[in-house]
Amino acid sequence: MIFFDLDGTLLDFKAAELLGVQAFQEHYSTRYDWGCSQDDFYDVWCRIGNKHYSRFLTGELTFKQQQVERMKELLP
């Protein structure tokens, strides 16, 4: 048996997520005044994402619904 630990070992999910969130923030910075630094924006992104993903895991939301709820909360 071979076991692979993907997250954080073979795939650096957190670094990829951070780069993606920074690109998202920068791309939409002309449309939205985020009012915070990149680090603070990433913290907010993670907090909101964890909140709604937990709702998905408990069956309260579908996967698609948790994505929509996350964006509704994130966007001003």
PDB file of N, CA and C in Angstrom:
ATOM      1  N   MET A   1       0.848  -1.154   0.000  1.00  0.00           N
ATOM      2  CA  MET A   1       0.000   0.000   0.000  1.00  0.00           C
ATOM      3  C   MET A   1       0.906   1.233   0.000  1.00  0.00           C
ATOM      4  N   ILE A   2       0.541   2.182  -0.801  1.00  0.00           N
ATOM      5  CA  ILE A   2       1.244   3.470  -0.847  1.00  0.00           C
ATOM      6  C   ILE A   2       0.263   4.539  -0.418  1.00  0.00           C
ATOM      7  N   PHE A   3       0.681   5.390   0.484  1.00  0.00           N
ATOM      8  CA  PHE A   3      -0.167   6.461   0.996  1.00  0.00           C
ATOM      9  C   PHE A   3       0.462   7.798   0.633  1.00  0.00           C
ATOM     10  N   PHE A   4      -0.328   8.678   0.040  1.00  0.00           N
ATOM     11  CA  PHE A   4       0.143  10.016  -0.312  1.00  0.00           C
ATOM     12  C   PHE A   4      -0.631  11.051   0.472  1.00  0.00           C
ATOM     13  N   ASP A   5       0.082  11.945   1.108  1.00  0.00           N
ATOM     14  CA  ASP A   5      -0.519  13.068   1.806  1.00  0.00           C
ATOM     15  C   ASP A   5      -0.446  14.260   0.859  1.00  0.00           C
ATOM     16  N   LEU A   6      -1.558  14.576   0.212  1.00  0.00           N
ATOM     17  CA  LEU A   6      -1.553  15.619  -0.812  1.00  0.00           C
ATOM     18  C   LEU A   6      -1.469  17.022  -0.224  1.00  0.00           C
ATOM     19  N   ASP A   7      -2.406  17.378   0.643  1.00  0.00           N
ATOM     20  CA  ASP A   7      -2.482  18.754   1.149  1.00  0.00           C
ATOM     21  C   ASP A   7      -1.291  19.088   2.027  1.00  0.00           C
ATOM     22  N   GLY A   8      -0.512  20.037   1.572  1.00  0.00           N
ATOM     23  CA  GLY A   8       0.624  20.501   2.341  1.00  0.00           C
ATOM     24  C   GLY A   8       1.898  19.707   2.129  1.00  0.00           C
ATOM     25  N   THR A   9       1.802  18.589   1.445  1.00  0.00           N
ATOM     26  CA  THR A   9       2.990  17.784   1.179  1.00  0.00           C
ATOM     27  C   THR A   9       3.288  17.779  -0.316  1.00  0.00           C
ATOM     28  N   LEU A  10       2.457  17.089  -1.072  1.00  0.00           N
ATOM     29  CA  LEU A  10       2.659  17.058  -2.519  1.00  0.00           C
ATOM     30  C   LEU A  10       2.042  18.277  -3.206  1.00  0.00           C
ATOM     31  N   LEU A  11       0.982  18.790  -2.637  1.00  0.00           N
ATOM     32  CA  LEU A  11       0.323  19.995  -3.153  1.00  0.00           C
ATOM     33  C   LEU A  11       0.317  21.059  -2.064  1.00  0.00           C
ATOM     34  N   ASP A  12       0.790  22.231  -2.385  1.00  0.00           N
ATOM     35  CA  ASP A  12       0.796  23.328  -1.415  1.00  0.00           C
ATOM     36  C   ASP A  12      -0.489  24.135  -1.590  1.00  0.00           C
ATOM     37  N   PHE A  13      -1.572  23.586  -1.042  1.00  0.00           N
ATOM     38  CA  PHE A  13      -2.888  24.197  -1.203  1.00  0.00           C
ATOM     39  C   PHE A  13      -2.940  25.613  -0.650  1.00  0.00           C
ATOM     40  N   LYS A  14      -2.400  25.828   0.535  1.00  0.00           N
ATOM     41  CA  LYS A  14      -2.492  27.148   1.170  1.00  0.00           C
ATOM     42  C   LYS A  14      -1.784  28.224   0.355  1.00  0.00           C
ATOM     43  N   ALA A  15      -0.620  27.921  -0.195  1.00  0.00           N
ATOM     44  CA  ALA A  15       0.092  28.909  -1.019  1.00  0.00           C
ATOM     45  C   ALA A  15      -0.690  29.197  -2.287  1.00  0.00           C
ATOM     46  N   ALA A  16      -1.253  28.159  -2.899  1.00  0.00           N
ATOM     47  CA  ALA A  16      -2.049  28.351  -4.110  1.00  0.00           C
ATOM     48  C   ALA A  16      -3.306  29.157  -3.801  1.00  0.00           C
ATOM     49  N   GLU A  17      -3.943  28.861  -2.668  1.00  0.00           N
ATOM     50  CA  GLU A  17      -5.125  29.597  -2.252  1.00  0.00           C
ATOM     51  C   GLU A  17      -4.781  31.070  -2.026  1.00  0.00           C
ATOM     52  N   LEU A  18      -3.693  31.339  -1.337  1.00  0.00           N
ATOM     53  CA  LEU A  18      -3.270  32.711  -1.062  1.00  0.00           C
ATOM     54  C   LEU A  18      -3.042  33.479  -2.367  1.00  0.00           C
ATOM     55  N   LEU A  19      -2.337  32.878  -3.306  1.00  0.00           N
ATOM     56  CA  LEU A  19      -2.094  33.546  -4.588  1.00  0.00           C
ATOM     57  C   LEU A  19      -3.394  33.799  -5.339  1.00  0.00           C
ATOM     58  N   GLY A  20      -4.296  32.852  -5.299  1.00  0.00           N
ATOM     59  CA  GLY A  20      -5.590  33.018  -5.958  1.00  0.00           C
ATOM     60  C   GLY A  20      -6.419  34.117  -5.325  1.00  0.00           C
ATOM     61  N   VAL A  21      -6.442  34.172  -4.013  1.00  0.00           N
ATOM     62  CA  VAL A  21      -7.206  35.201  -3.298  1.00  0.00           C
ATOM     63  C   VAL A  21      -6.600  36.579  -3.563  1.00  0.00           C
ATOM     64  N   GLN A  22      -5.288  36.676  -3.561  1.00  0.00           N
ATOM     65  CA  GLN A  22      -4.634  37.953  -3.860  1.00  0.00           C
ATOM     66  C   GLN A  22      -4.966  38.408  -5.286  1.00  0.00           C
ATOM     67  N   ALA A  23      -4.960  37.485  -6.235  1.00  0.00           N
ATOM     68  CA  ALA A  23      -5.298  37.827  -7.617  1.00  0.00           C
ATOM     69  C   ALA A  23      -6.762  38.266  -7.719  1.00  0.00           C
ATOM     70  N   PHE A  24      -7.648  37.587  -6.996  1.00  0.00           N
ATOM     71  CA  PHE A  24      -9.064  37.954  -6.970  1.00  0.00           C
ATOM     72  C   PHE A  24      -9.227  39.366  -6.420  1.00  0.00           C
ATOM     73  N   GLN A  25      -8.584  39.633  -5.285  1.00  0.00           N
ATOM     74  CA  GLN A  25      -8.685  40.956  -4.661  1.00  0.00           C
ATOM     75  C   GLN A  25      -8.162  42.041  -5.600  1.00  0.00           C
ATOM     76  N   GLU A  26      -7.041  41.793  -6.216  1.00  0.00           N
ATOM     77  CA  GLU A  26      -6.452  42.778  -7.121  1.00  0.00           C
ATOM     78  C   GLU A  26      -7.332  43.000  -8.351  1.00  0.00           C
ATOM     79  N   HIS A  27      -7.840  41.926  -8.920  1.00  0.00           N
ATOM     80  CA  HIS A  27      -8.663  42.025 -10.129  1.00  0.00           C
ATOM     81  C   HIS A  27      -9.919  42.863  -9.890  1.00  0.00           C
ATOM     82  N   TYR A  28     -10.536  42.693  -8.722  1.00  0.00           N
ATOM     83  CA  TYR A  28     -11.776  43.394  -8.431  1.00  0.00           C
ATOM     84  C   TYR A  28     -11.576  44.663  -7.614  1.00  0.00           C
ATOM     85  N   SER A  29     -10.342  45.090  -7.417  1.00  0.00           N
ATOM     86  CA  SER A  29     -10.083  46.278  -6.592  1.00  0.00           C
ATOM     87  C   SER A  29     -10.600  47.561  -7.235  1.00  0.00           C
ATOM     88  N   THR A  30     -10.773  47.582  -8.558  1.00  0.00           N
ATOM     89  CA  THR A  30     -11.337  48.782  -9.198  1.00  0.00           C
ATOM     90  C   THR A  30     -12.845  48.850  -9.000  1.00  0.00           C
ATOM     91  N   ARG A  31     -13.480  47.722  -8.738  1.00  0.00           N
ATOM     92  CA  ARG A  31     -14.930  47.678  -8.545  1.00  0.00           C
ATOM     93  C   ARG A  31     -15.333  47.779  -7.078  1.00  0.00           C
ATOM     94  N   TYR A  32     -14.511  47.210  -6.200  1.00  0.00           N
ATOM     95  CA  TYR A  32     -14.833  47.175  -4.770  1.00  0.00           C
ATOM     96  C   TYR A  32     -13.705  47.807  -3.964  1.00  0.00           C
ATOM     97  N   ASP A  33     -14.095  48.578  -2.959  1.00  0.00           N
ATOM     98  CA  ASP A  33     -13.110  49.103  -2.016  1.00  0.00           C
ATOM     99  C   ASP A  33     -13.085  48.144  -0.837  1.00  0.00           C
ATOM    100  N   TRP A  34     -12.098  47.271  -0.840  1.00  0.00           N
ATOM    101  CA  TRP A  34     -12.040  46.232   0.194  1.00  0.00           C
ATOM    102  C   TRP A  34     -11.747  46.827   1.562  1.00  0.00           C
ATOM    103  N   GLY A  35     -11.031  47.952   1.613  1.00  0.00           N
ATOM    104  CA  GLY A  35     -10.763  48.611   2.880  1.00  0.00           C
ATOM    105  C   GLY A  35      -9.855  47.838   3.817  1.00  0.00           C
ATOM    106  N   CYS A  36      -9.001  46.967   3.255  1.00  0.00           N
ATOM    107  CA  CYS A  36      -8.088  46.212   4.107  1.00  0.00           C
ATOM    108  C   CYS A  36      -6.884  45.763   3.288  1.00  0.00           C
ATOM    109  N   SER A  37      -5.869  45.335   4.000  1.00  0.00           N
ATOM    110  CA  SER A  37      -4.648  44.849   3.361  1.00  0.00           C
ATOM    111  C   SER A  37      -4.887  43.478   2.743  1.00  0.00           C
ATOM    112  N   GLN A  38      -3.932  43.012   1.942  1.00  0.00           N
ATOM    113  CA  GLN A  38      -4.028  41.667   1.364  1.00  0.00           C
ATOM    114  C   GLN A  38      -4.074  40.602   2.451  1.00  0.00           C
ATOM    115  N   ASP A  39      -3.281  40.774   3.490  1.00  0.00           N
ATOM    116  CA  ASP A  39      -3.274  39.791   4.583  1.00  0.00           C
ATOM    117  C   ASP A  39      -4.623  39.743   5.290  1.00  0.00           C
ATOM    118  N   ASP A  40      -5.189  40.925   5.562  1.00  0.00           N
ATOM    119  CA  ASP A  40      -6.492  40.967   6.227  1.00  0.00           C
ATOM    120  C   ASP A  40      -7.584  40.393   5.324  1.00  0.00           C
ATOM    121  N   PHE A  41      -7.511  40.692   4.027  1.00  0.00           N
ATOM    122  CA  PHE A  41      -8.488  40.166   3.085  1.00  0.00           C
ATOM    123  C   PHE A  41      -8.419  38.637   3.052  1.00  0.00           C
ATOM    124  N   TYR A  42      -7.223  38.093   3.059  1.00  0.00           N
ATOM    125  CA  TYR A  42      -7.058  36.643   3.054  1.00  0.00           C
ATOM    126  C   TYR A  42      -7.641  36.031   4.337  1.00  0.00           C
ATOM    127  N   ASP A  43      -7.430  36.685   5.464  1.00  0.00           N
ATOM    128  CA  ASP A  43      -7.991  36.187   6.724  1.00  0.00           C
ATOM    129  C   ASP A  43      -9.521  36.169   6.661  1.00  0.00           C
ATOM    130  N   VAL A  44     -10.111  37.240   6.123  1.00  0.00           N
ATOM    131  CA  VAL A  44     -11.569  37.313   5.984  1.00  0.00           C
ATOM    132  C   VAL A  44     -12.055  36.222   5.034  1.00  0.00           C
ATOM    133  N   TRP A  45     -11.361  36.056   3.913  1.00  0.00           N
ATOM    134  CA  TRP A  45     -11.700  35.020   2.937  1.00  0.00           C
ATOM    135  C   TRP A  45     -11.740  33.643   3.610  1.00  0.00           C
ATOM    136  N   CYS A  46     -10.718  33.338   4.379  1.00  0.00           N
ATOM    137  CA  CYS A  46     -10.629  32.031   5.047  1.00  0.00           C
ATOM    138  C   CYS A  46     -11.727  31.863   6.085  1.00  0.00           C
ATOM    139  N   ARG A  47     -11.976  32.892   6.869  1.00  0.00           N
ATOM    140  CA  ARG A  47     -13.013  32.817   7.908  1.00  0.00           C
ATOM    141  C   ARG A  47     -14.379  32.560   7.274  1.00  0.00           C
ATOM    142  N   ILE A  48     -14.713  33.326   6.244  1.00  0.00           N
ATOM    143  CA  ILE A  48     -16.000  33.163   5.566  1.00  0.00           C
ATOM    144  C   ILE A  48     -16.067  31.783   4.894  1.00  0.00           C
ATOM    145  N   GLY A  49     -14.993  31.405   4.227  1.00  0.00           N
ATOM    146  CA  GLY A  49     -14.971  30.103   3.565  1.00  0.00           C
ATOM    147  C   GLY A  49     -15.161  28.956   4.533  1.00  0.00           C
ATOM    148  N   ASN A  50     -14.471  28.997   5.657  1.00  0.00           N
ATOM    149  CA  ASN A  50     -14.591  27.932   6.666  1.00  0.00           C
ATOM    150  C   ASN A  50     -16.013  27.861   7.226  1.00  0.00           C
ATOM    151  N   LYS A  51     -16.608  29.025   7.444  1.00  0.00           N
ATOM    152  CA  LYS A  51     -17.962  29.088   7.996  1.00  0.00           C
ATOM    153  C   LYS A  51     -18.959  28.379   7.069  1.00  0.00           C
ATOM    154  N   HIS A  52     -18.933  28.720   5.804  1.00  0.00           N
ATOM    155  CA  HIS A  52     -19.922  28.164   4.877  1.00  0.00           C
ATOM    156  C   HIS A  52     -19.573  26.738   4.448  1.00  0.00           C
ATOM    157  N   TYR A  53     -18.291  26.397   4.416  1.00  0.00           N
ATOM    158  CA  TYR A  53     -17.916  25.013   4.113  1.00  0.00           C
ATOM    159  C   TYR A  53     -18.374  24.089   5.249  1.00  0.00           C
ATOM    160  N   SER A  54     -18.306  24.575   6.467  1.00  0.00           N
ATOM    161  CA  SER A  54     -18.809  23.791   7.606  1.00  0.00           C
ATOM    162  C   SER A  54     -20.308  23.546   7.464  1.00  0.00           C
ATOM    163  N   ARG A  55     -21.021  24.536   6.966  1.00  0.00           N
ATOM    164  CA  ARG A  55     -22.461  24.371   6.735  1.00  0.00           C
ATOM    165  C   ARG A  55     -22.716  23.310   5.661  1.00  0.00           C
ATOM    166  N   PHE A  56     -21.854  23.259   4.658  1.00  0.00           N
ATOM    167  CA  PHE A  56     -21.948  22.211   3.642  1.00  0.00           C
ATOM    168  C   PHE A  56     -21.700  20.838   4.264  1.00  0.00           C
ATOM    169  N   LEU A  57     -20.676  20.736   5.093  1.00  0.00           N
ATOM    170  CA  LEU A  57     -20.333  19.444   5.698  1.00  0.00           C
ATOM    171  C   LEU A  57     -21.442  18.905   6.597  1.00  0.00           C
ATOM    172  N   THR A  58     -22.210  19.793   7.211  1.00  0.00           N
ATOM    173  CA  THR A  58     -23.318  19.353   8.066  1.00  0.00           C
ATOM    174  C   THR A  58     -24.593  19.081   7.277  1.00  0.00           C
ATOM    175  N   GLY A  59     -24.564  19.341   5.972  1.00  0.00           N
ATOM    176  CA  GLY A  59     -25.730  19.078   5.128  1.00  0.00           C
ATOM    177  C   GLY A  59     -26.704  20.235   5.045  1.00  0.00           C
ATOM    178  N   GLU A  60     -26.367  21.352   5.665  1.00  0.00           N
ATOM    179  CA  GLU A  60     -27.251  22.522   5.634  1.00  0.00           C
ATOM    180  C   GLU A  60     -27.301  23.140   4.233  1.00  0.00           C
ATOM    181  N   LEU A  61     -26.185  23.092   3.515  1.00  0.00           N
ATOM    182  CA  LEU A  61     -26.084  23.662   2.175  1.00  0.00           C
ATOM    183  C   LEU A  61     -25.513  22.634   1.212  1.00  0.00           C
ATOM    184  N   THR A  62     -25.844  22.785  -0.062  1.00  0.00           N
ATOM    185  CA  THR A  62     -25.158  21.999  -1.079  1.00  0.00           C
ATOM    186  C   THR A  62     -23.793  22.636  -1.304  1.00  0.00           C
ATOM    187  N   PHE A  63     -22.942  21.937  -2.065  1.00  0.00           N
ATOM    188  CA  PHE A  63     -21.625  22.500  -2.349  1.00  0.00           C
ATOM    189  C   PHE A  63     -21.756  23.820  -3.094  1.00  0.00           C
ATOM    190  N   LYS A  64     -22.627  23.862  -4.082  1.00  0.00           N
ATOM    191  CA  LYS A  64     -22.841  25.088  -4.858  1.00  0.00           C
ATOM    192  C   LYS A  64     -23.410  26.200  -3.975  1.00  0.00           C
ATOM    193  N   GLN A  65     -24.351  25.876  -3.105  1.00  0.00           N
ATOM    194  CA  GLN A  65     -24.941  26.882  -2.216  1.00  0.00           C
ATOM    195  C   GLN A  65     -23.904  27.487  -1.288  1.00  0.00           C
ATOM    196  N   GLN A  66     -22.971  26.680  -0.790  1.00  0.00           N
ATOM    197  CA  GLN A  66     -21.960  27.235   0.111  1.00  0.00           C
ATOM    198  C   GLN A  66     -21.052  28.192  -0.644  1.00  0.00           C
ATOM    199  N   GLN A  67     -20.807  27.925  -1.935  1.00  0.00           N
ATOM    200  CA  GLN A  67     -20.006  28.851  -2.741  1.00  0.00           C
ATOM    201  C   GLN A  67     -20.738  30.174  -2.912  1.00  0.00           C
ATOM    202  N   VAL A  68     -22.028  30.108  -3.186  1.00  0.00           N
ATOM    203  CA  VAL A  68     -22.830  31.325  -3.364  1.00  0.00           C
ATOM    204  C   VAL A  68     -22.885  32.120  -2.062  1.00  0.00           C
ATOM    205  N   GLU A  69     -23.150  31.450  -0.957  1.00  0.00           N
ATOM    206  CA  GLU A  69     -23.231  32.136   0.344  1.00  0.00           C
ATOM    207  C   GLU A  69     -21.904  32.798   0.707  1.00  0.00           C
ATOM    208  N   ARG A  70     -20.811  32.143   0.390  1.00  0.00           N
ATOM    209  CA  ARG A  70     -19.488  32.700   0.665  1.00  0.00           C
ATOM    210  C   ARG A  70     -19.305  34.013  -0.098  1.00  0.00           C
ATOM    211  N   MET A  71     -19.652  34.004  -1.381  1.00  0.00           N
ATOM    212  CA  MET A  71     -19.468  35.211  -2.183  1.00  0.00           C
ATOM    213  C   MET A  71     -20.437  36.318  -1.766  1.00  0.00           C
ATOM    214  N   LYS A  72     -21.662  35.959  -1.398  1.00  0.00           N
ATOM    215  CA  LYS A  72     -22.615  36.965  -0.935  1.00  0.00           C
ATOM    216  C   LYS A  72     -22.117  37.662   0.325  1.00  0.00           C
ATOM    217  N   GLU A  73     -21.501  36.905   1.202  1.00  0.00           N
ATOM    218  CA  GLU A  73     -20.968  37.503   2.433  1.00  0.00           C
ATOM    219  C   GLU A  73     -19.698  38.304   2.171  1.00  0.00           C
ATOM    220  N   LEU A  74     -18.898  37.856   1.233  1.00  0.00           N
ATOM    221  CA  LEU A  74     -17.622  38.522   0.953  1.00  0.00           C
ATOM    222  C   LEU A  74     -17.800  39.853   0.243  1.00  0.00           C
ATOM    223  N   LEU A  75     -18.705  39.885  -0.737  1.00  0.00           N
ATOM    224  CA  LEU A  75     -18.833  41.096  -1.554  1.00  0.00           C
ATOM    225  C   LEU A  75     -19.679  42.140  -0.837  1.00  0.00           C
ATOM    226  N   PRO A  76     -19.197  43.380  -0.865  1.00  0.00           N
ATOM    227  CA  PRO A  76     -19.942  44.460  -0.191  1.00  0.00           C
ATOM    228  C   PRO A  76     -21.273  44.749  -0.876  1.00  0.00           C
TER     229      PRO A  76
END
